[in-house]
Amino acid sequence: MAAGVAYNPVMAKPSRELFEVSCPCCGGLLKVDPETRAVISHVAPVKPKMFSDFEAAAKAMRDNEGRKESIFRQAVDAEKNKKDLLEKKFQEAVKKAKETPDEGPRLRDFELD
C-alpha cells in the first residue's frame, strides 16, 4: 500500500478522497488530502458572542479595572526586587564557577580553522 493513502476496509482499495479532521487547537474543521498529507482547507469554528448587550460589556470593563491595577502593582514590585534577584543569581553563578575546575583554554569555532 502506498504511503499517505488511507485504507478503506470495505472497498479494499486506497481512498483518494479528502477526509475531514477536527483541529485540536481551535476546534475548526480541516480537510486533508491523503496522498500529499496536506491540509487543503480550514473552516474556523463559530465563536459565540462574548457579551449579550452593551451594558454587560461595560460592566465587564469596569470589573477588569481592578485586575489591571493588580497586575500593574505586581509588575512594579517585581521591578523593585529585580536588582536583588539578579545579584543573587550572579553570586550563585560565581560560586558555581569557583567550584568547577577549569580544564584549560577552550578552543572557539574560529580558532579551529
PDB file of N, CA and C in Angstrom:
ATOM      1  N   MET A   1       0.845  -1.171   0.000  1.00  0.00           N
ATOM      2  CA  MET A   1       0.000   0.000   0.000  1.00  0.00           C
ATOM      3  C   MET A   1       0.894   1.238   0.000  1.00  0.00           C
ATOM      4  N   ALA A   2       0.545   2.247  -0.757  1.00  0.00           N
ATOM      5  CA  ALA A   2       1.360   3.445  -0.890  1.00  0.00           C
ATOM      6  C   ALA A   2       1.287   4.285   0.375  1.00  0.00           C
ATOM      7  N   ALA A   3       2.387   4.938   0.693  1.00  0.00           N
ATOM      8  CA  ALA A   3       2.420   5.785   1.886  1.00  0.00           C
ATOM      9  C   ALA A   3       1.532   7.001   1.678  1.00  0.00           C
ATOM     10  N   GLY A   4       0.787   7.358   2.707  1.00  0.00           N
ATOM     11  CA  GLY A   4      -0.036   8.556   2.647  1.00  0.00           C
ATOM     12  C   GLY A   4      -1.416   8.322   2.076  1.00  0.00           C
ATOM     13  N   VAL A   5      -1.759   7.085   1.708  1.00  0.00           N
ATOM     14  CA  VAL A   5      -3.079   6.786   1.160  1.00  0.00           C
ATOM     15  C   VAL A   5      -3.871   6.066   2.234  1.00  0.00           C
ATOM     16  N   ALA A   6      -5.059   6.573   2.515  1.00  0.00           N
ATOM     17  CA  ALA A   6      -5.897   5.974   3.558  1.00  0.00           C
ATOM     18  C   ALA A   6      -6.431   4.630   3.099  1.00  0.00           C
ATOM     19  N   TYR A   7      -6.542   3.694   4.030  1.00  0.00           N
ATOM     20  CA  TYR A   7      -7.033   2.363   3.724  1.00  0.00           C
ATOM     21  C   TYR A   7      -8.507   2.283   4.054  1.00  0.00           C
ATOM     22  N   ASN A   8      -9.298   1.834   3.131  1.00  0.00           N
ATOM     23  CA  ASN A   8     -10.735   1.675   3.314  1.00  0.00           C
ATOM     24  C   ASN A   8     -11.037   0.183   3.307  1.00  0.00           C
ATOM     25  N   PRO A   9     -11.335  -0.444   4.472  1.00  0.00           N
ATOM     26  CA  PRO A   9     -11.508  -1.895   4.529  1.00  0.00           C
ATOM     27  C   PRO A   9     -12.736  -2.383   3.767  1.00  0.00           C
ATOM     28  N   VAL A  10     -13.742  -1.570   3.544  1.00  0.00           N
ATOM     29  CA  VAL A  10     -14.942  -2.010   2.844  1.00  0.00           C
ATOM     30  C   VAL A  10     -14.637  -2.257   1.370  1.00  0.00           C
ATOM     31  N   MET A  11     -13.949  -1.336   0.752  1.00  0.00           N
ATOM     32  CA  MET A  11     -13.667  -1.443  -0.676  1.00  0.00           C
ATOM     33  C   MET A  11     -12.347  -2.168  -0.940  1.00  0.00           C
ATOM     34  N   ALA A  12     -11.505  -2.294   0.080  1.00  0.00           N
ATOM     35  CA  ALA A  12     -10.203  -2.953  -0.017  1.00  0.00           C
ATOM     36  C   ALA A  12      -9.317  -2.315  -1.068  1.00  0.00           C
ATOM     37  N   LYS A  13      -9.502  -1.025  -1.316  1.00  0.00           N
ATOM     38  CA  LYS A  13      -8.599  -0.285  -2.181  1.00  0.00           C
ATOM     39  C   LYS A  13      -8.391   1.096  -1.574  1.00  0.00           C
ATOM     40  N   PRO A  14      -7.284   1.754  -1.894  1.00  0.00           N
ATOM     41  CA  PRO A  14      -6.978   3.044  -1.288  1.00  0.00           C
ATOM     42  C   PRO A  14      -8.027   4.105  -1.640  1.00  0.00           C
ATOM     43  N   SER A  15      -8.350   4.932  -0.651  1.00  0.00           N
ATOM     44  CA  SER A  15      -9.291   6.033  -0.855  1.00  0.00           C
ATOM     45  C   SER A  15      -8.500   7.288  -1.170  1.00  0.00           C
ATOM     46  N   ARG A  16      -8.913   7.994  -2.197  1.00  0.00           N
ATOM     47  CA  ARG A  16      -8.207   9.201  -2.589  1.00  0.00           C
ATOM     48  C   ARG A  16      -9.054  10.448  -2.325  1.00  0.00           C
ATOM     49  N   GLU A  17     -10.138  10.283  -1.608  1.00  0.00           N
ATOM     50  CA  GLU A  17     -10.996  11.414  -1.294  1.00  0.00           C
ATOM     51  C   GLU A  17     -10.442  12.166  -0.091  1.00  0.00           C
ATOM     52  N   LEU A  18     -10.726  13.455  -0.041  1.00  0.00           N
ATOM     53  CA  LEU A  18     -10.326  14.258   1.105  1.00  0.00           C
ATOM     54  C   LEU A  18     -11.069  13.758   2.337  1.00  0.00           C
ATOM     55  N   PHE A  19     -10.402  13.809   3.479  1.00  0.00           N
ATOM     56  CA  PHE A  19     -11.091  13.453   4.703  1.00  0.00           C
ATOM     57  C   PHE A  19     -11.033  14.626   5.668  1.00  0.00           C
ATOM     58  N   GLU A  20     -12.000  14.669   6.575  1.00  0.00           N
ATOM     59  CA  GLU A  20     -12.131  15.784   7.498  1.00  0.00           C
ATOM     60  C   GLU A  20     -11.650  15.386   8.891  1.00  0.00           C
ATOM     61  N   VAL A  21     -10.957  16.335   9.532  1.00  0.00           N
ATOM     62  CA  VAL A  21     -10.410  16.129  10.863  1.00  0.00           C
ATOM     63  C   VAL A  21     -10.702  17.388  11.685  1.00  0.00           C
ATOM     64  N   SER A  22     -11.011  17.204  12.944  1.00  0.00           N
ATOM     65  CA  SER A  22     -11.217  18.342  13.835  1.00  0.00           C
ATOM     66  C   SER A  22      -9.868  18.842  14.328  1.00  0.00           C
ATOM     67  N   CYS A  23      -9.649  20.154  14.263  1.00  0.00           N
ATOM     68  CA  CYS A  23      -8.383  20.752  14.707  1.00  0.00           C
ATOM     69  C   CYS A  23      -8.296  20.680  16.229  1.00  0.00           C
ATOM     70  N   PRO A  24      -7.210  20.132  16.780  1.00  0.00           N
ATOM     71  CA  PRO A  24      -7.100  20.015  18.236  1.00  0.00           C
ATOM     72  C   PRO A  24      -6.875  21.362  18.925  1.00  0.00           C
ATOM     73  N   CYS A  25      -6.393  22.356  18.204  1.00  0.00           N
ATOM     74  CA  CYS A  25      -6.117  23.658  18.828  1.00  0.00           C
ATOM     75  C   CYS A  25      -7.348  24.552  18.883  1.00  0.00           C
ATOM     76  N   CYS A  26      -7.981  24.745  17.735  1.00  0.00           N
ATOM     77  CA  CYS A  26      -9.075  25.710  17.679  1.00  0.00           C
ATOM     78  C   CYS A  26     -10.447  25.068  17.538  1.00  0.00           C
ATOM     79  N   GLY A  27     -10.506  23.764  17.257  1.00  0.00           N
ATOM     80  CA  GLY A  27     -11.783  23.095  17.095  1.00  0.00           C
ATOM     81  C   GLY A  27     -12.368  23.271  15.706  1.00  0.00           C
ATOM     82  N   GLY A  28     -11.603  23.849  14.794  1.00  0.00           N
ATOM     83  CA  GLY A  28     -12.063  24.042  13.428  1.00  0.00           C
ATOM     84  C   GLY A  28     -12.058  22.741  12.655  1.00  0.00           C
ATOM     85  N   LEU A  29     -12.533  22.795  11.428  1.00  0.00           N
ATOM     86  CA  LEU A  29     -12.610  21.612  10.581  1.00  0.00           C
ATOM     87  C   LEU A  29     -11.515  21.680   9.519  1.00  0.00           C
ATOM     88  N   LEU A  30     -10.676  20.659   9.466  1.00  0.00           N
ATOM     89  CA  LEU A  30      -9.589  20.587   8.490  1.00  0.00           C
ATOM     90  C   LEU A  30      -9.932  19.550   7.438  1.00  0.00           C
ATOM     91  N   LYS A  31      -9.689  19.888   6.171  1.00  0.00           N
ATOM     92  CA  LYS A  31      -9.825  18.908   5.094  1.00  0.00           C
ATOM     93  C   LYS A  31      -8.417  18.553   4.649  1.00  0.00           C
ATOM     94  N   VAL A  32      -8.121  17.242   4.675  1.00  0.00           N
ATOM     95  CA  VAL A  32      -6.769  16.769   4.413  1.00  0.00           C
ATOM     96  C   VAL A  32      -6.759  15.873   3.183  1.00  0.00           C
ATOM     97  N   ASP A  33      -5.745  16.076   2.331  1.00  0.00           N
ATOM     98  CA  ASP A  33      -5.553  15.228   1.154  1.00  0.00           C
ATOM     99  C   ASP A  33      -4.712  14.032   1.578  1.00  0.00           C
ATOM    100  N   PRO A  34      -5.241  12.791   1.423  1.00  0.00           N
ATOM    101  CA  PRO A  34      -4.487  11.621   1.889  1.00  0.00           C
ATOM    102  C   PRO A  34      -3.224  11.343   1.073  1.00  0.00           C
ATOM    103  N   GLU A  35      -3.174  11.756  -0.163  1.00  0.00           N
ATOM    104  CA  GLU A  35      -1.992  11.491  -0.981  1.00  0.00           C
ATOM    105  C   GLU A  35      -0.817  12.366  -0.568  1.00  0.00           C
ATOM    106  N   THR A  36      -1.073  13.658  -0.441  1.00  0.00           N
ATOM    107  CA  THR A  36       0.008  14.589  -0.111  1.00  0.00           C
ATOM    108  C   THR A  36       0.139  14.853   1.381  1.00  0.00           C
ATOM    109  N   ARG A  37      -0.862  14.409   2.150  1.00  0.00           N
ATOM    110  CA  ARG A  37      -0.901  14.646   3.590  1.00  0.00           C
ATOM    111  C   ARG A  37      -0.878  16.145   3.906  1.00  0.00           C
ATOM    112  N   ALA A  38      -1.466  16.937   3.066  1.00  0.00           N
ATOM    113  CA  ALA A  38      -1.502  18.384   3.237  1.00  0.00           C
ATOM    114  C   ALA A  38      -2.916  18.828   3.601  1.00  0.00           C
ATOM    115  N   VAL A  39      -2.996  19.882   4.386  1.00  0.00           N
ATOM    116  CA  VAL A  39      -4.287  20.467   4.725  1.00  0.00           C
ATOM    117  C   VAL A  39      -4.744  21.286   3.528  1.00  0.00           C
ATOM    118  N   ILE A  40      -5.896  20.933   2.995  1.00  0.00           N
ATOM    119  CA  ILE A  40      -6.430  21.599   1.813  1.00  0.00           C
ATOM    120  C   ILE A  40      -7.263  22.814   2.207  1.00  0.00           C
ATOM    121  N   SER A  41      -8.063  22.698   3.262  1.00  0.00           N
ATOM    122  CA  SER A  41      -8.853  23.836   3.711  1.00  0.00           C
ATOM    123  C   SER A  41      -9.070  23.774   5.216  1.00  0.00           C
ATOM    124  N   HIS A  42      -9.400  24.921   5.762  1.00  0.00           N
ATOM    125  CA  HIS A  42      -9.647  25.060   7.195  1.00  0.00           C
ATOM    126  C   HIS A  42     -10.890  25.907   7.370  1.00  0.00           C
ATOM    127  N   VAL A  43     -11.848  25.407   8.117  1.00  0.00           N
ATOM    128  CA  VAL A  43     -13.058  26.156   8.428  1.00  0.00           C
ATOM    129  C   VAL A  43     -13.019  26.462   9.918  1.00  0.00           C
ATOM    130  N   ALA A  44     -12.917  27.761  10.241  1.00  0.00           N
ATOM    131  CA  ALA A  44     -12.815  28.180  11.640  1.00  0.00           C
ATOM    132  C   ALA A  44     -14.137  27.926  12.362  1.00  0.00           C
ATOM    133  N   PRO A  45     -14.075  27.574  13.652  1.00  0.00           N
ATOM    134  CA  PRO A  45     -15.309  27.356  14.409  1.00  0.00           C
ATOM    135  C   PRO A  45     -16.022  28.686  14.661  1.00  0.00           C
ATOM    136  N   VAL A  46     -17.313  28.626  14.825  1.00  0.00           N
ATOM    137  CA  VAL A  46     -18.097  29.819  15.115  1.00  0.00           C
ATOM    138  C   VAL A  46     -17.892  30.176  16.582  1.00  0.00           C
ATOM    139  N   LYS A  47     -17.455  31.413  16.820  1.00  0.00           N
ATOM    140  CA  LYS A  47     -17.225  31.852  18.193  1.00  0.00           C
ATOM    141  C   LYS A  47     -18.500  32.502  18.728  1.00  0.00           C
ATOM    142  N   PRO A  48     -18.903  32.098  19.921  1.00  0.00           N
ATOM    143  CA  PRO A  48     -20.105  32.709  20.498  1.00  0.00           C
ATOM    144  C   PRO A  48     -19.819  34.153  20.906  1.00  0.00           C
ATOM    145  N   LYS A  49     -20.872  34.962  20.968  1.00  0.00           N
ATOM    146  CA  LYS A  49     -20.710  36.347  21.398  1.00  0.00           C
ATOM    147  C   LYS A  49     -20.248  36.365  22.844  1.00  0.00           C
ATOM    148  N   MET A  50     -19.335  37.279  23.135  1.00  0.00           N
ATOM    149  CA  MET A  50     -18.798  37.347  24.479  1.00  0.00           C
ATOM    150  C   MET A  50     -19.790  38.001  25.441  1.00  0.00           C
ATOM    151  N   PHE A  51     -20.513  39.012  24.958  1.00  0.00           N
ATOM    152  CA  PHE A  51     -21.467  39.723  25.795  1.00  0.00           C
ATOM    153  C   PHE A  51     -22.814  39.792  25.073  1.00  0.00           C
ATOM    154  N   SER A  52     -23.879  39.733  25.854  1.00  0.00           N
ATOM    155  CA  SER A  52     -25.213  39.760  25.253  1.00  0.00           C
ATOM    156  C   SER A  52     -25.627  41.171  24.859  1.00  0.00           C
ATOM    157  N   ASP A  53     -25.157  42.177  25.604  1.00  0.00           N
ATOM    158  CA  ASP A  53     -25.510  43.554  25.249  1.00  0.00           C
ATOM    159  C   ASP A  53     -24.399  44.504  25.685  1.00  0.00           C
ATOM    160  N   PHE A  54     -24.586  45.775  25.380  1.00  0.00           N
ATOM    161  CA  PHE A  54     -23.570  46.780  25.666  1.00  0.00           C
ATOM    162  C   PHE A  54     -23.372  46.971  27.170  1.00  0.00           C
ATOM    163  N   GLU A  55     -24.432  46.892  27.948  1.00  0.00           N
ATOM    164  CA  GLU A  55     -24.333  47.076  29.399  1.00  0.00           C
ATOM    165  C   GLU A  55     -23.469  45.987  30.038  1.00  0.00           C
ATOM    166  N   ALA A  56     -23.615  44.767  29.584  1.00  0.00           N
ATOM    167  CA  ALA A  56     -22.800  43.670  30.126  1.00  0.00           C
ATOM    168  C   ALA A  56     -21.329  43.890  29.790  1.00  0.00           C
ATOM    169  N   ALA A  57     -21.054  44.389  28.591  1.00  0.00           N
ATOM    170  CA  ALA A  57     -19.673  44.663  28.194  1.00  0.00           C
ATOM    171  C   ALA A  57     -19.089  45.794  29.038  1.00  0.00           C
ATOM    172  N   ALA A  58     -19.873  46.848  29.283  1.00  0.00           N
ATOM    173  CA  ALA A  58     -19.407  47.964  30.095  1.00  0.00           C
ATOM    174  C   ALA A  58     -19.120  47.514  31.527  1.00  0.00           C
ATOM    175  N   LYS A  59     -19.978  46.666  32.072  1.00  0.00           N
ATOM    176  CA  LYS A  59     -19.769  46.148  33.433  1.00  0.00           C
ATOM    177  C   LYS A  59     -18.486  45.318  33.499  1.00  0.00           C
ATOM    178  N   ALA A  60     -18.251  44.511  32.487  1.00  0.00           N
ATOM    179  CA  ALA A  60     -17.031  43.697  32.453  1.00  0.00           C
ATOM    180  C   ALA A  60     -15.793  44.584  32.385  1.00  0.00           C
ATOM    181  N   MET A  61     -15.875  45.680  31.641  1.00  0.00           N
ATOM    182  CA  MET A  61     -14.737  46.602  31.560  1.00  0.00           C
ATOM    183  C   MET A  61     -14.464  47.241  32.921  1.00  0.00           C
ATOM    184  N   ARG A  62     -15.514  47.632  33.642  1.00  0.00           N
ATOM    185  CA  ARG A  62     -15.328  48.229  34.970  1.00  0.00           C
ATOM    186  C   ARG A  62     -14.725  47.204  35.937  1.00  0.00           C
ATOM    187  N   ASP A  63     -15.189  45.974  35.866  1.00  0.00           N
ATOM    188  CA  ASP A  63     -14.654  44.922  36.731  1.00  0.00           C
ATOM    189  C   ASP A  63     -13.193  44.618  36.401  1.00  0.00           C
ATOM    190  N   ASN A  64     -12.829  44.789  35.161  1.00  0.00           N
ATOM    191  CA  ASN A  64     -11.481  44.492  34.693  1.00  0.00           C
ATOM    192  C   ASN A  64     -10.470  45.535  35.178  1.00  0.00           C
ATOM    193  N   GLU A  65     -10.932  46.735  35.543  1.00  0.00           N
ATOM    194  CA  GLU A  65     -10.022  47.793  36.006  1.00  0.00           C
ATOM    195  C   GLU A  65      -9.246  47.351  37.252  1.00  0.00           C
ATOM    196  N   GLY A  66      -9.908  46.704  38.187  1.00  0.00           N
ATOM    197  CA  GLY A  66      -9.230  46.224  39.399  1.00  0.00           C
ATOM    198  C   GLY A  66      -8.169  45.195  39.072  1.00  0.00           C
ATOM    199  N   ARG A  67      -8.445  44.354  38.135  1.00  0.00           N
ATOM    200  CA  ARG A  67      -7.473  43.334  37.715  1.00  0.00           C
ATOM    201  C   ARG A  67      -6.244  43.983  37.087  1.00  0.00           C
ATOM    202  N   LYS A  68      -6.475  44.999  36.261  1.00  0.00           N
ATOM    203  CA  LYS A  68      -5.349  45.697  35.626  1.00  0.00           C
ATOM    204  C   LYS A  68      -4.471  46.367  36.671  1.00  0.00           C
ATOM    205  N   GLU A  69      -5.099  46.979  37.670  1.00  0.00           N
ATOM    206  CA  GLU A  69      -4.347  47.649  38.728  1.00  0.00           C
ATOM    207  C   GLU A  69      -3.506  46.640  39.512  1.00  0.00           C
ATOM    208  N   SER A  70      -4.064  45.466  39.780  1.00  0.00           N
ATOM    209  CA  SER A  70      -3.333  44.428  40.496  1.00  0.00           C
ATOM    210  C   SER A  70      -2.123  43.947  39.693  1.00  0.00           C
ATOM    211  N   ILE A  71      -2.304  43.743  38.407  1.00  0.00           N
ATOM    212  CA  ILE A  71      -1.193  43.302  37.556  1.00  0.00           C
ATOM    213  C   ILE A  71      -0.101  44.364  37.514  1.00  0.00           C
ATOM    214  N   PHE A  72      -0.509  45.637  37.445  1.00  0.00           N
ATOM    215  CA  PHE A  72       0.466  46.728  37.425  1.00  0.00           C
ATOM    216  C   PHE A  72       1.269  46.761  38.727  1.00  0.00           C
ATOM    217  N   ARG A  73       0.587  46.595  39.875  1.00  0.00           N
ATOM    218  CA  ARG A  73       1.284  46.594  41.164  1.00  0.00           C
ATOM    219  C   ARG A  73       2.285  45.445  41.241  1.00  0.00           C
ATOM    220  N   GLN A  74       1.913  44.285  40.733  1.00  0.00           N
ATOM    221  CA  GLN A  74       2.830  43.140  40.726  1.00  0.00           C
ATOM    222  C   GLN A  74       4.053  43.429  39.869  1.00  0.00           C
ATOM    223  N   ALA A  75       3.853  44.087  38.729  1.00  0.00           N
ATOM    224  CA  ALA A  75       4.978  44.424  37.847  1.00  0.00           C
ATOM    225  C   ALA A  75       5.914  45.421  38.514  1.00  0.00           C
ATOM    226  N   VAL A  76       5.357  46.405  39.230  1.00  0.00           N
ATOM    227  CA  VAL A  76       6.180  47.396  39.936  1.00  0.00           C
ATOM    228  C   VAL A  76       6.987  46.712  41.028  1.00  0.00           C
ATOM    229  N   ASP A  77       6.361  45.822  41.793  1.00  0.00           N
ATOM    230  CA  ASP A  77       7.076  45.098  42.854  1.00  0.00           C
ATOM    231  C   ASP A  77       8.188  44.227  42.283  1.00  0.00           C
ATOM    232  N   ALA A  78       7.920  43.574  41.166  1.00  0.00           N
ATOM    233  CA  ALA A  78       8.936  42.732  40.531  1.00  0.00           C
ATOM    234  C   ALA A  78      10.119  43.578  40.067  1.00  0.00           C
ATOM    235  N   GLU A  79       9.841  44.774  39.564  1.00  0.00           N
ATOM    236  CA  GLU A  79      10.911  45.656  39.100  1.00  0.00           C
ATOM    237  C   GLU A  79      11.753  46.148  40.274  1.00  0.00           C
ATOM    238  N   LYS A  80      11.112  46.404  41.430  1.00  0.00           N
ATOM    239  CA  LYS A  80      11.851  46.838  42.622  1.00  0.00           C
ATOM    240  C   LYS A  80      12.788  45.742  43.115  1.00  0.00           C
ATOM    241  N   ASN A  81      12.356  44.488  43.032  1.00  0.00           N
ATOM    242  CA  ASN A  81      13.154  43.368  43.536  1.00  0.00           C
ATOM    243  C   ASN A  81      14.105  42.800  42.480  1.00  0.00           C
ATOM    244  N   LYS A  82      14.072  43.350  41.294  1.00  0.00           N
ATOM    245  CA  LYS A  82      14.876  42.816  40.195  1.00  0.00           C
ATOM    246  C   LYS A  82      16.374  42.868  40.490  1.00  0.00           C
ATOM    247  N   LYS A  83      16.825  43.989  41.075  1.00  0.00           N
ATOM    248  CA  LYS A  83      18.250  44.147  41.357  1.00  0.00           C
ATOM    249  C   LYS A  83      18.730  43.074  42.332  1.00  0.00           C
ATOM    250  N   ASP A  84      17.969  42.859  43.407  1.00  0.00           N
ATOM    251  CA  ASP A  84      18.351  41.847  44.403  1.00  0.00           C
ATOM    252  C   ASP A  84      18.365  40.448  43.794  1.00  0.00           C
ATOM    253  N   LEU A  85      17.362  40.159  42.978  1.00  0.00           N
ATOM    254  CA  LEU A  85      17.282  38.847  42.344  1.00  0.00           C
ATOM    255  C   LEU A  85      18.467  38.605  41.414  1.00  0.00           C
ATOM    256  N   LEU A  86      18.812  39.615  40.600  1.00  0.00           N
ATOM    257  CA  LEU A  86      19.955  39.472  39.691  1.00  0.00           C
ATOM    258  C   LEU A  86      21.260  39.325  40.466  1.00  0.00           C
ATOM    259  N   GLU A  87      21.389  40.034  41.572  1.00  0.00           N
ATOM    260  CA  GLU A  87      22.597  39.931  42.393  1.00  0.00           C
ATOM    261  C   GLU A  87      22.733  38.522  42.972  1.00  0.00           C
ATOM    262  N   LYS A  88      21.634  37.949  43.467  1.00  0.00           N
ATOM    263  CA  LYS A  88      21.665  36.587  43.997  1.00  0.00           C
ATOM    264  C   LYS A  88      22.029  35.579  42.912  1.00  0.00           C
ATOM    265  N   LYS A  89      21.455  35.752  41.721  1.00  0.00           N
ATOM    266  CA  LYS A  89      21.782  34.842  40.625  1.00  0.00           C
ATOM    267  C   LYS A  89      23.254  34.952  40.238  1.00  0.00           C
ATOM    268  N   PHE A  90      23.777  36.185  40.232  1.00  0.00           N
ATOM    269  CA  PHE A  90      25.180  36.386  39.893  1.00  0.00           C
ATOM    270  C   PHE A  90      26.091  35.734  40.920  1.00  0.00           C
ATOM    271  N   GLN A  91      25.780  35.923  42.211  1.00  0.00           N
ATOM    272  CA  GLN A  91      26.602  35.319  43.266  1.00  0.00           C
ATOM    273  C   GLN A  91      26.578  33.797  43.175  1.00  0.00           C
ATOM    274  N   GLU A  92      25.419  33.234  42.850  1.00  0.00           N
ATOM    275  CA  GLU A  92      25.311  31.779  42.699  1.00  0.00           C
ATOM    276  C   GLU A  92      26.154  31.300  41.516  1.00  0.00           C
ATOM    277  N   ALA A  93      26.144  32.059  40.422  1.00  0.00           N
ATOM    278  CA  ALA A  93      26.937  31.683  39.250  1.00  0.00           C
ATOM    279  C   ALA A  93      28.436  31.773  39.547  1.00  0.00           C
ATOM    280  N   VAL A  94      28.853  32.799  40.305  1.00  0.00           N
ATOM    281  CA  VAL A  94      30.258  32.931  40.681  1.00  0.00           C
ATOM    282  C   VAL A  94      30.669  31.761  41.560  1.00  0.00           C
ATOM    283  N   LYS A  95      29.822  31.401  42.519  1.00  0.00           N
ATOM    284  CA  LYS A  95      30.106  30.280  43.415  1.00  0.00           C
ATOM    285  C   LYS A  95      30.256  28.982  42.619  1.00  0.00           C
ATOM    286  N   LYS A  96      29.355  28.772  41.663  1.00  0.00           N
ATOM    287  CA  LYS A  96      29.407  27.564  40.840  1.00  0.00           C
ATOM    288  C   LYS A  96      30.662  27.557  39.970  1.00  0.00           C
ATOM    289  N   ALA A  97      31.045  28.714  39.455  1.00  0.00           N
ATOM    290  CA  ALA A  97      32.244  28.803  38.612  1.00  0.00           C
ATOM    291  C   ALA A  97      33.501  28.500  39.425  1.00  0.00           C
ATOM    292  N   LYS A  98      33.544  28.926  40.687  1.00  0.00           N
ATOM    293  CA  LYS A  98      34.710  28.660  41.532  1.00  0.00           C
ATOM    294  C   LYS A  98      34.811  27.181  41.887  1.00  0.00           C
ATOM    295  N   GLU A  99      33.665  26.511  42.025  1.00  0.00           N
ATOM    296  CA  GLU A  99      33.652  25.089  42.384  1.00  0.00           C
ATOM    297  C   GLU A  99      34.009  24.202  41.198  1.00  0.00           C
ATOM    298  N   THR A 100      33.751  24.653  39.997  1.00  0.00           N
ATOM    299  CA  THR A 100      34.018  23.858  38.801  1.00  0.00           C
ATOM    300  C   THR A 100      35.462  24.091  38.365  1.00  0.00           C
ATOM    301  N   PRO A 101      36.248  23.029  38.285  1.00  0.00           N
ATOM    302  CA  PRO A 101      37.637  23.222  37.869  1.00  0.00           C
ATOM    303  C   PRO A 101      37.718  23.605  36.391  1.00  0.00           C
ATOM    304  N   ASP A 102      38.654  24.492  36.104  1.00  0.00           N
ATOM    305  CA  ASP A 102      38.866  24.929  34.723  1.00  0.00           C
ATOM    306  C   ASP A 102      39.796  23.931  34.050  1.00  0.00           C
ATOM    307  N   GLU A 103      39.423  23.475  32.896  1.00  0.00           N
ATOM    308  CA  GLU A 103      40.198  22.452  32.183  1.00  0.00           C
ATOM    309  C   GLU A 103      41.175  23.061  31.201  1.00  0.00           C
ATOM    310  N   GLY A 104      41.531  24.289  31.358  1.00  0.00           N
ATOM    311  CA  GLY A 104      42.452  24.951  30.442  1.00  0.00           C
ATOM    312  C   GLY A 104      41.688  25.735  29.394  1.00  0.00           C
ATOM    313  N   PRO A 105      42.444  26.340  28.510  1.00  0.00           N
ATOM    314  CA  PRO A 105      41.787  27.171  27.493  1.00  0.00           C
ATOM    315  C   PRO A 105      40.972  26.316  26.519  1.00  0.00           C
ATOM    316  N   ARG A 106      39.821  26.801  26.183  1.00  0.00           N
ATOM    317  CA  ARG A 106      38.958  26.091  25.243  1.00  0.00           C
ATOM    318  C   ARG A 106      39.069  26.736  23.874  1.00  0.00           C
ATOM    319  N   LEU A 107      39.050  25.905  22.859  1.00  0.00           N
ATOM    320  CA  LEU A 107      39.108  26.411  21.502  1.00  0.00           C
ATOM    321  C   LEU A 107      37.740  26.902  21.078  1.00  0.00           C
ATOM    322  N   ARG A 108      37.743  28.048  20.423  1.00  0.00           N
ATOM    323  CA  ARG A 108      36.499  28.576  19.884  1.00  0.00           C
ATOM    324  C   ARG A 108      36.401  28.167  18.427  1.00  0.00           C
ATOM    325  N   ASP A 109      35.210  28.248  17.863  1.00  0.00           N
ATOM    326  CA  ASP A 109      34.978  27.785  16.493  1.00  0.00           C
ATOM    327  C   ASP A 109      35.925  28.426  15.494  1.00  0.00           C
ATOM    328  N   PHE A 110      36.170  29.715  15.611  1.00  0.00           N
ATOM    329  CA  PHE A 110      37.021  30.373  14.608  1.00  0.00           C
ATOM    330  C   PHE A 110      38.486  30.019  14.773  1.00  0.00           C
ATOM    331  N   GLU A 111      38.887  29.446  15.913  1.00  0.00           N
ATOM    332  CA  GLU A 111      40.274  29.036  16.113  1.00  0.00           C
ATOM    333  C   GLU A 111      40.556  27.665  15.500  1.00  0.00           C
ATOM    334  N   LEU A 112      39.538  26.956  15.099  1.00  0.00           N
ATOM    335  CA  LEU A 112      39.742  25.627  14.519  1.00  0.00           C
ATOM    336  C   LEU A 112      40.209  25.674  13.075  1.00  0.00           C
ATOM    337  N   ASP A 113      40.045  26.797  12.416  1.00  0.00           N
ATOM    338  CA  ASP A 113      40.459  26.901  11.002  1.00  0.00           C
ATOM    339  C   ASP A 113      41.931  26.967  10.828  1.00  0.00           C
TER     340      ASP A 113
END
